[in-house]
Structure formats: C-alpha cells, structure tokens
Amino acid sequence: MVSPAPGLTLHHDQGSQYRSLQYRAKAAKAAKAAKAKIALSMSRPGTPYDNAMIESFYANLKLEINDGRPFPRREAARTAIFEYIELFYSRNRLHSALGYTTPLQIEKQHQQTRGVP
C-alpha cells in the first residue's frame, strides 16, 4: 500500500455515509496507520459542482475501459487504468471543456506561459 503524501485532502459530497461518525473514525484510523495528515473536505449542500469533474472522469473511465468486463486480477486492472489515464486520457482524448485539446497540451501551454522548459 502506498502512503499518501502529507497534505492529502479527502473530498466527498454531502452523502450521509460520509457525515457519519463511523466514517470519520475510519478515516482518522487510516490516516494514523499511514502516518499521514489527511484533511476531510465536504462540499456545501446544494453545490455539487466541485465534484462534477471527478464524477465525469469516473463515468468516462467506466465506459471507455475494458468494455465493462471484470478484470481477471488486480494487477490487470491497475495496468489498464494506468494506460487509460497516462496514454489515452491525458495524451490523446480531446476534452470539450479544454477547447477540444488534451490535458497534456494544456499543461504544456501552462508551462510555456510560466517560462518552464
């Protein structure tokens, strides 16, 4: 298991399962076991927009990877997800919210404006 870097924010919506004392206790126990400082973050009621981007990403991931079939092993799932994100989603998949460019192109443009080689 990989330990999260310091400053990790665990963000979620207002679902009752995330507001429960049981969930908060499990999150605190996991943070202590990983020796990590994890800040819990919750969206405000009636403002789902901060979660919309990741929900959209997960929907695309589920639709575009492995045709919805189960993976034979965890390692096969990890490899497929890595390849989807790093080789397809970030480098080749055009995003309407980014003016039909890729995240990698946007990142390069941002670096150029900052003078990063």
N, C-alpha and C. Protein backbone atom coordinates (compact mmCIF):
# COMPACT_ATOMS: atom_id res chain seq x y z
N MET A 1 0.83 -1.18 0.00
CA MET A 1 0.00 0.00 0.00
C MET A 1 0.88 1.25 0.00
N VAL A 2 0.53 2.21 -0.82
CA VAL A 2 1.27 3.44 -0.91
C VAL A 2 0.71 4.44 0.08
N SER A 3 1.57 5.06 0.85
CA SER A 3 1.11 6.07 1.81
C SER A 3 0.91 7.39 1.09
N PRO A 4 -0.14 8.11 1.42
CA PRO A 4 -0.37 9.40 0.78
C PRO A 4 0.65 10.44 1.23
N ALA A 5 0.89 11.40 0.37
CA ALA A 5 1.80 12.49 0.71
C ALA A 5 1.15 13.38 1.76
N PRO A 6 1.96 14.07 2.56
CA PRO A 6 1.39 15.00 3.54
C PRO A 6 0.53 16.04 2.84
N GLY A 7 -0.55 16.42 3.48
CA GLY A 7 -1.42 17.44 2.92
C GLY A 7 -2.54 16.90 2.05
N LEU A 8 -2.74 15.59 2.06
CA LEU A 8 -3.81 14.99 1.26
C LEU A 8 -5.16 15.49 1.75
N THR A 9 -6.03 15.85 0.80
CA THR A 9 -7.39 16.23 1.12
C THR A 9 -8.32 15.15 0.59
N LEU A 10 -9.11 14.59 1.46
CA LEU A 10 -10.10 13.58 1.10
C LEU A 10 -11.44 14.30 0.95
N HIS A 11 -11.84 14.52 -0.30
CA HIS A 11 -13.03 15.31 -0.57
C HIS A 11 -14.19 14.41 -0.99
N HIS A 12 -15.38 14.74 -0.54
CA HIS A 12 -16.56 13.97 -0.90
C HIS A 12 -17.79 14.86 -0.80
N ASP A 13 -18.90 14.32 -1.22
CA ASP A 13 -20.15 15.09 -1.21
C ASP A 13 -20.83 14.98 0.16
N GLN A 14 -22.05 15.46 0.22
CA GLN A 14 -22.80 15.51 1.48
C GLN A 14 -23.55 14.22 1.81
N GLY A 15 -23.19 13.12 1.19
CA GLY A 15 -23.86 11.85 1.46
C GLY A 15 -23.81 11.50 2.94
N SER A 16 -24.90 10.92 3.44
CA SER A 16 -24.98 10.62 4.87
C SER A 16 -23.88 9.67 5.32
N GLN A 17 -23.43 8.77 4.40
CA GLN A 17 -22.38 7.84 4.79
C GLN A 17 -21.08 8.58 5.11
N TYR A 18 -20.86 9.73 4.46
CA TYR A 18 -19.63 10.49 4.69
C TYR A 18 -19.73 11.41 5.91
N ARG A 19 -20.93 11.71 6.34
CA ARG A 19 -21.12 12.58 7.51
C ARG A 19 -21.15 11.77 8.79
N SER A 20 -21.22 10.46 8.70
CA SER A 20 -21.37 9.63 9.90
C SER A 20 -20.09 9.62 10.74
N LEU A 21 -20.30 9.43 12.03
CA LEU A 21 -19.17 9.32 12.95
C LEU A 21 -18.32 8.10 12.62
N GLN A 22 -18.96 7.02 12.17
CA GLN A 22 -18.25 5.79 11.82
C GLN A 22 -17.26 6.05 10.67
N TYR A 23 -17.70 6.77 9.64
CA TYR A 23 -16.82 7.08 8.51
C TYR A 23 -15.64 7.95 8.95
N ARG A 24 -15.95 8.97 9.73
CA ARG A 24 -14.89 9.87 10.20
C ARG A 24 -13.87 9.13 11.07
N ALA A 25 -14.35 8.19 11.89
CA ALA A 25 -13.45 7.41 12.73
C ALA A 25 -12.56 6.51 11.87
N LYS A 26 -13.14 5.88 10.83
CA LYS A 26 -12.35 5.03 9.94
C LYS A 26 -11.31 5.85 9.18
N ALA A 27 -11.69 7.04 8.73
CA ALA A 27 -10.75 7.91 8.01
C ALA A 27 -9.60 8.33 8.93
N ALA A 28 -9.92 8.67 10.17
CA ALA A 28 -8.89 9.06 11.13
C ALA A 28 -7.95 7.89 11.44
N LYS A 29 -8.52 6.69 11.58
CA LYS A 29 -7.71 5.49 11.85
C LYS A 29 -6.79 5.19 10.67
N ALA A 30 -7.30 5.31 9.45
CA ALA A 30 -6.48 5.06 8.26
C ALA A 30 -5.36 6.08 8.15
N ALA A 31 -5.65 7.32 8.46
CA ALA A 31 -4.64 8.37 8.41
C ALA A 31 -3.54 8.10 9.44
N LYS A 32 -3.95 7.68 10.62
CA LYS A 32 -2.98 7.38 11.68
C LYS A 32 -2.11 6.19 11.28
N ALA A 33 -2.72 5.15 10.71
CA ALA A 33 -1.98 3.95 10.30
C ALA A 33 -0.98 4.29 9.19
N ALA A 34 -1.34 5.20 8.31
CA ALA A 34 -0.46 5.59 7.20
C ALA A 34 0.51 6.68 7.62
N LYS A 35 0.40 7.14 8.86
CA LYS A 35 1.22 8.24 9.36
C LYS A 35 1.12 9.44 8.43
N ALA A 36 -0.10 9.75 8.03
CA ALA A 36 -0.35 10.84 7.10
C ALA A 36 -1.35 11.82 7.70
N LYS A 37 -1.18 13.07 7.34
CA LYS A 37 -2.16 14.07 7.74
C LYS A 37 -3.15 14.21 6.60
N ILE A 38 -4.37 13.75 6.86
CA ILE A 38 -5.42 13.77 5.85
C ILE A 38 -6.51 14.72 6.33
N ALA A 39 -6.79 15.72 5.50
CA ALA A 39 -7.87 16.66 5.83
C ALA A 39 -9.15 16.19 5.15
N LEU A 40 -10.22 16.09 5.93
CA LEU A 40 -11.51 15.73 5.36
C LEU A 40 -12.16 17.00 4.82
N SER A 41 -12.71 16.91 3.63
CA SER A 41 -13.35 18.05 2.99
C SER A 41 -14.71 17.62 2.47
N MET A 42 -15.70 18.47 2.66
CA MET A 42 -17.05 18.13 2.22
C MET A 42 -17.63 19.31 1.46
N SER A 43 -18.27 19.02 0.34
CA SER A 43 -18.91 20.09 -0.42
C SER A 43 -20.09 20.65 0.36
N ARG A 44 -20.43 21.88 0.06
CA ARG A 44 -21.58 22.50 0.72
C ARG A 44 -22.87 21.91 0.17
N PRO A 45 -23.92 21.86 0.96
CA PRO A 45 -25.20 21.35 0.45
C PRO A 45 -25.68 22.16 -0.75
N GLY A 46 -26.16 21.46 -1.75
CA GLY A 46 -26.70 22.12 -2.93
C GLY A 46 -25.66 22.63 -3.91
N THR A 47 -24.39 22.31 -3.70
CA THR A 47 -23.33 22.74 -4.62
C THR A 47 -22.53 21.52 -5.08
N PRO A 48 -23.06 20.77 -6.02
CA PRO A 48 -22.39 19.55 -6.46
C PRO A 48 -21.27 19.81 -7.47
N TYR A 49 -21.04 21.07 -7.85
CA TYR A 49 -20.13 21.36 -8.95
C TYR A 49 -18.68 21.01 -8.66
N ASP A 50 -18.25 21.09 -7.40
CA ASP A 50 -16.87 20.76 -7.10
C ASP A 50 -16.59 19.27 -7.29
N ASN A 51 -17.63 18.46 -7.31
CA ASN A 51 -17.48 17.02 -7.50
C ASN A 51 -17.74 16.61 -8.95
N ALA A 52 -18.31 17.50 -9.74
CA ALA A 52 -18.75 17.16 -11.09
C ALA A 52 -17.61 16.67 -11.98
N MET A 53 -16.44 17.29 -11.88
CA MET A 53 -15.33 16.91 -12.76
C MET A 53 -14.88 15.47 -12.51
N ILE A 54 -14.72 15.10 -11.25
CA ILE A 54 -14.26 13.75 -10.97
C ILE A 54 -15.35 12.73 -11.27
N GLU A 55 -16.61 13.09 -11.03
CA GLU A 55 -17.71 12.19 -11.38
C GLU A 55 -17.74 11.93 -12.88
N SER A 56 -17.50 12.97 -13.66
CA SER A 56 -17.45 12.84 -15.12
C SER A 56 -16.28 11.94 -15.53
N PHE A 57 -15.13 12.14 -14.89
CA PHE A 57 -13.96 11.32 -15.20
C PHE A 57 -14.26 9.84 -14.92
N TYR A 58 -14.82 9.55 -13.75
CA TYR A 58 -15.12 8.15 -13.41
C TYR A 58 -16.13 7.54 -14.36
N ALA A 59 -17.12 8.34 -14.78
CA ALA A 59 -18.10 7.84 -15.74
C ALA A 59 -17.42 7.47 -17.05
N ASN A 60 -16.50 8.33 -17.53
CA ASN A 60 -15.76 8.04 -18.76
C ASN A 60 -14.86 6.82 -18.58
N LEU A 61 -14.20 6.73 -17.47
CA LEU A 61 -13.32 5.60 -17.20
C LEU A 61 -14.10 4.29 -17.27
N LYS A 62 -15.25 4.26 -16.62
CA LYS A 62 -16.06 3.04 -16.61
C LYS A 62 -16.56 2.68 -18.00
N LEU A 63 -16.90 3.69 -18.80
CA LEU A 63 -17.41 3.44 -20.14
C LEU A 63 -16.32 3.04 -21.13
N GLU A 64 -15.14 3.64 -20.99
CA GLU A 64 -14.11 3.52 -22.01
C GLU A 64 -13.05 2.47 -21.73
N ILE A 65 -13.09 1.87 -20.57
CA ILE A 65 -12.04 0.90 -20.24
C ILE A 65 -12.64 -0.50 -20.15
N ASN A 66 -12.02 -1.44 -20.79
CA ASN A 66 -12.33 -2.86 -20.64
C ASN A 66 -13.77 -3.26 -20.95
N ASP A 67 -14.49 -2.44 -21.65
CA ASP A 67 -15.88 -2.74 -22.04
C ASP A 67 -16.76 -3.18 -20.88
N GLY A 68 -16.44 -2.73 -19.67
CA GLY A 68 -17.26 -3.07 -18.52
C GLY A 68 -17.07 -4.48 -17.98
N ARG A 69 -16.20 -5.25 -18.60
CA ARG A 69 -15.97 -6.62 -18.13
C ARG A 69 -15.08 -6.62 -16.89
N PRO A 70 -15.24 -7.58 -16.01
CA PRO A 70 -14.36 -7.64 -14.83
C PRO A 70 -12.94 -8.00 -15.23
N PHE A 71 -12.01 -7.54 -14.44
CA PHE A 71 -10.59 -7.86 -14.68
C PHE A 71 -10.26 -9.18 -14.01
N PRO A 72 -9.37 -9.97 -14.61
CA PRO A 72 -9.03 -11.27 -14.02
C PRO A 72 -8.20 -11.13 -12.73
N ARG A 73 -7.40 -10.05 -12.65
CA ARG A 73 -6.54 -9.83 -11.49
C ARG A 73 -6.46 -8.34 -11.20
N ARG A 74 -6.14 -8.00 -9.98
CA ARG A 74 -5.97 -6.60 -9.59
C ARG A 74 -4.89 -5.93 -10.41
N GLU A 75 -3.80 -6.64 -10.67
CA GLU A 75 -2.69 -6.05 -11.44
C GLU A 75 -3.14 -5.71 -12.85
N ALA A 76 -3.99 -6.52 -13.44
CA ALA A 76 -4.52 -6.22 -14.78
C ALA A 76 -5.35 -4.95 -14.75
N ALA A 77 -6.13 -4.75 -13.70
CA ALA A 77 -6.91 -3.53 -13.56
C ALA A 77 -6.00 -2.32 -13.39
N ARG A 78 -4.98 -2.44 -12.55
CA ARG A 78 -4.03 -1.33 -12.35
C ARG A 78 -3.36 -0.94 -13.66
N THR A 79 -2.91 -1.93 -14.42
CA THR A 79 -2.24 -1.66 -15.69
C THR A 79 -3.19 -0.97 -16.66
N ALA A 80 -4.41 -1.49 -16.76
CA ALA A 80 -5.38 -0.91 -17.69
C ALA A 80 -5.74 0.52 -17.30
N ILE A 81 -5.89 0.79 -16.02
CA ILE A 81 -6.22 2.14 -15.56
C ILE A 81 -5.05 3.08 -15.80
N PHE A 82 -3.83 2.63 -15.51
CA PHE A 82 -2.65 3.46 -15.77
C PHE A 82 -2.55 3.80 -17.26
N GLU A 83 -2.70 2.79 -18.11
CA GLU A 83 -2.61 3.03 -19.55
C GLU A 83 -3.72 3.96 -20.03
N TYR A 84 -4.91 3.81 -19.48
CA TYR A 84 -6.03 4.67 -19.87
C TYR A 84 -5.72 6.13 -19.53
N ILE A 85 -5.27 6.36 -18.30
CA ILE A 85 -5.03 7.74 -17.86
C ILE A 85 -3.80 8.33 -18.54
N GLU A 86 -2.68 7.62 -18.46
CA GLU A 86 -1.41 8.18 -18.94
C GLU A 86 -1.25 8.17 -20.46
N LEU A 87 -1.75 7.13 -21.11
CA LEU A 87 -1.51 7.02 -22.55
C LEU A 87 -2.68 7.52 -23.40
N PHE A 88 -3.90 7.37 -22.90
CA PHE A 88 -5.04 7.79 -23.70
C PHE A 88 -5.67 9.09 -23.20
N TYR A 89 -6.16 9.10 -21.98
CA TYR A 89 -6.94 10.22 -21.46
C TYR A 89 -6.14 11.52 -21.46
N SER A 90 -4.91 11.49 -20.98
CA SER A 90 -4.11 12.71 -20.87
C SER A 90 -3.45 13.13 -22.17
N ARG A 91 -3.15 12.18 -23.04
CA ARG A 91 -2.37 12.49 -24.25
C ARG A 91 -3.17 12.54 -25.54
N ASN A 92 -4.28 11.78 -25.61
CA ASN A 92 -4.99 11.66 -26.88
C ASN A 92 -6.46 12.07 -26.84
N ARG A 93 -7.11 11.91 -25.70
CA ARG A 93 -8.55 12.17 -25.64
C ARG A 93 -8.80 13.67 -25.63
N LEU A 94 -9.60 14.14 -26.58
CA LEU A 94 -9.93 15.55 -26.66
C LEU A 94 -11.04 15.87 -25.67
N HIS A 95 -10.92 17.01 -25.00
CA HIS A 95 -11.87 17.41 -23.96
C HIS A 95 -12.55 18.70 -24.38
N SER A 96 -13.87 18.67 -24.46
CA SER A 96 -14.60 19.86 -24.87
C SER A 96 -14.37 21.02 -23.91
N ALA A 97 -14.25 20.73 -22.62
CA ALA A 97 -14.03 21.78 -21.62
C ALA A 97 -12.66 22.44 -21.78
N LEU A 98 -11.76 21.79 -22.52
CA LEU A 98 -10.42 22.34 -22.76
C LEU A 98 -10.27 22.84 -24.18
N GLY A 99 -11.39 23.15 -24.82
CA GLY A 99 -11.34 23.64 -26.20
C GLY A 99 -10.92 22.56 -27.18
N TYR A 100 -11.33 21.34 -26.93
CA TYR A 100 -11.01 20.18 -27.77
C TYR A 100 -9.50 20.00 -27.92
N THR A 101 -8.81 20.11 -26.79
CA THR A 101 -7.39 19.78 -26.71
C THR A 101 -7.26 18.70 -25.63
N THR A 102 -6.05 18.24 -25.43
CA THR A 102 -5.80 17.22 -24.41
C THR A 102 -5.27 17.87 -23.13
N PRO A 103 -5.39 17.21 -21.99
CA PRO A 103 -4.80 17.75 -20.77
C PRO A 103 -3.30 17.99 -20.90
N LEU A 104 -2.60 17.12 -21.61
CA LEU A 104 -1.16 17.30 -21.80
C LEU A 104 -0.86 18.59 -22.57
N GLN A 105 -1.66 18.87 -23.60
CA GLN A 105 -1.46 20.12 -24.35
C GLN A 105 -1.69 21.34 -23.45
N ILE A 106 -2.71 21.29 -22.64
CA ILE A 106 -3.00 22.39 -21.72
C ILE A 106 -1.85 22.56 -20.73
N GLU A 107 -1.33 21.45 -20.22
CA GLU A 107 -0.22 21.52 -19.27
C GLU A 107 1.01 22.15 -19.93
N LYS A 108 1.30 21.76 -21.16
CA LYS A 108 2.45 22.34 -21.88
C LYS A 108 2.26 23.83 -22.10
N GLN A 109 1.04 24.24 -22.48
CA GLN A 109 0.75 25.66 -22.67
C GLN A 109 0.95 26.43 -21.37
N HIS A 110 0.50 25.86 -20.28
CA HIS A 110 0.64 26.49 -18.96
C HIS A 110 2.11 26.64 -18.61
N GLN A 111 2.89 25.60 -18.86
CA GLN A 111 4.33 25.67 -18.55
C GLN A 111 5.01 26.73 -19.39
N GLN A 112 4.63 26.86 -20.65
CA GLN A 112 5.23 27.87 -21.52
C GLN A 112 4.93 29.28 -21.03
N THR A 113 3.71 29.50 -20.55
CA THR A 113 3.35 30.83 -20.05
C THR A 113 4.10 31.15 -18.77
N ARG A 114 4.53 30.13 -18.04
CA ARG A 114 5.30 30.32 -16.82
C ARG A 114 6.79 30.31 -17.07
N GLY A 115 7.18 30.05 -18.32
CA GLY A 115 8.60 30.00 -18.66
C GLY A 115 9.31 28.74 -18.23
N VAL A 116 8.55 27.67 -18.03
CA VAL A 116 9.13 26.37 -17.64
C VAL A 116 9.49 25.61 -18.90
N PRO A 117 10.74 25.14 -19.02
CA PRO A 117 11.12 24.41 -20.26
C PRO A 117 10.45 23.06 -20.38
